[in-house]
Amino acid sequence: MSRRPFNEQPTIPVKPCPFCGGTVGFVERMTICSYRYRCDCGADGPQVEHGRYEDHEGTPGNDAARAWNRRAKLPKRREVKP
């Protein structure tokens, strides 16, 4: 199955890519009701489900962007004593 950009892009701010730092990407439809945000470098955000196809509540583009914007919290660095 060929993946292609979804015509509904996010209306909320999207964080830069954690891999390349790029700010250009698009929402990609994965199945009839699941989407993800994808950077132009090829990095993929998590796939998000968006209810049934018949009743689109919310915005698939914004749901995908929110998932992309979530970042894992890094652990605090410990000092290593010689």
Protein backbone atom coordinates (compact mmCIF):
# COMPACT_ATOMS: atom_id res chain seq x y z
CA MET A 1 0.00 0.00 0.00
CA SER A 2 1.41 3.34 -1.00
CA ARG A 3 1.57 5.99 1.71
CA ARG A 4 0.85 9.57 0.79
CA PRO A 5 0.42 12.91 2.52
CA PHE A 6 -3.00 13.52 4.00
CA ASN A 7 -4.67 16.70 2.78
CA GLU A 8 -5.35 17.98 6.30
CA GLN A 9 -2.19 19.43 7.78
CA PRO A 10 -1.86 20.43 11.45
CA THR A 11 -2.96 23.87 12.57
CA ILE A 12 -0.92 23.69 15.79
CA PRO A 13 2.84 24.38 16.03
CA VAL A 14 5.00 21.34 15.26
CA LYS A 15 8.33 20.83 17.03
CA PRO A 16 11.50 20.40 14.96
CA CYS A 17 12.59 16.88 14.10
CA PRO A 18 14.65 15.33 16.94
CA PHE A 19 16.94 13.67 14.37
CA CYS A 20 17.68 16.30 11.71
CA GLY A 21 16.32 19.49 13.30
CA GLY A 22 14.15 20.09 10.24
CA THR A 23 10.84 21.84 10.49
CA VAL A 24 9.18 20.60 7.31
CA GLY A 25 6.98 17.54 7.35
CA PHE A 26 3.52 16.27 6.60
CA VAL A 27 0.69 14.17 8.01
CA GLU A 28 0.57 10.73 6.45
CA ARG A 29 -2.54 8.52 6.40
CA MET A 30 -1.58 4.99 7.40
CA THR A 31 -4.95 3.24 7.27
CA ILE A 32 -8.49 4.47 6.84
CA CYS A 33 -8.45 5.98 10.34
CA SER A 34 -4.84 6.15 11.55
CA TYR A 35 -2.28 8.83 10.86
CA ARG A 36 1.27 9.91 11.70
CA TYR A 37 3.44 12.97 11.23
CA ARG A 38 6.51 12.42 9.06
CA CYS A 39 9.58 14.62 8.65
CA ASP A 40 11.05 15.13 5.19
CA CYS A 41 14.20 13.33 6.42
CA GLY A 42 12.11 10.15 6.81
CA ALA A 43 11.67 10.15 10.60
CA ASP A 44 8.19 8.96 11.57
CA GLY A 45 6.10 10.00 14.53
CA PRO A 46 3.88 7.54 16.39
CA GLN A 47 0.80 6.26 14.63
CA VAL A 48 -2.43 7.65 16.10
CA GLU A 49 -5.92 6.25 15.73
CA HIS A 50 -8.66 8.68 14.87
CA GLY A 51 -11.97 6.97 15.50
CA ARG A 52 -14.19 5.64 12.77
CA TYR A 53 -13.95 7.06 9.27
CA GLU A 54 -17.60 8.19 9.33
CA ASP A 55 -17.34 10.37 12.43
CA HIS A 56 -14.19 12.47 12.39
CA GLU A 57 -14.22 14.24 15.72
CA GLY A 58 -11.24 16.49 16.22
CA THR A 59 -8.59 16.91 13.59
CA PRO A 60 -6.42 14.00 12.41
CA GLY A 61 -3.60 16.39 11.47
CA ASN A 62 -3.53 17.94 14.94
CA ASP A 63 -3.72 14.52 16.64
CA ALA A 64 -0.69 13.37 14.64
CA ALA A 65 1.18 16.61 15.42
CA ARG A 66 0.46 16.30 19.16
CA ALA A 67 1.89 12.76 19.12
CA TRP A 68 4.96 14.04 17.20
CA ASN A 69 5.46 16.85 19.71
CA ARG A 70 5.60 14.48 22.71
CA ARG A 71 9.19 13.86 23.73
CA ALA A 72 10.61 11.44 26.24
CA LYS A 73 12.11 13.07 29.29
CA LEU A 74 15.81 12.43 29.47
CA PRO A 75 17.22 11.14 32.75
CA LYS A 76 19.39 13.48 34.78
CA ARG A 77 23.07 13.03 34.10
CA ARG A 78 25.14 11.76 36.98
CA GLU A 79 28.68 12.92 37.56
CA VAL A 80 31.24 10.16 37.37
CA LYS A 81 33.97 10.51 39.97
CA PRO A 82 37.42 9.26 39.04
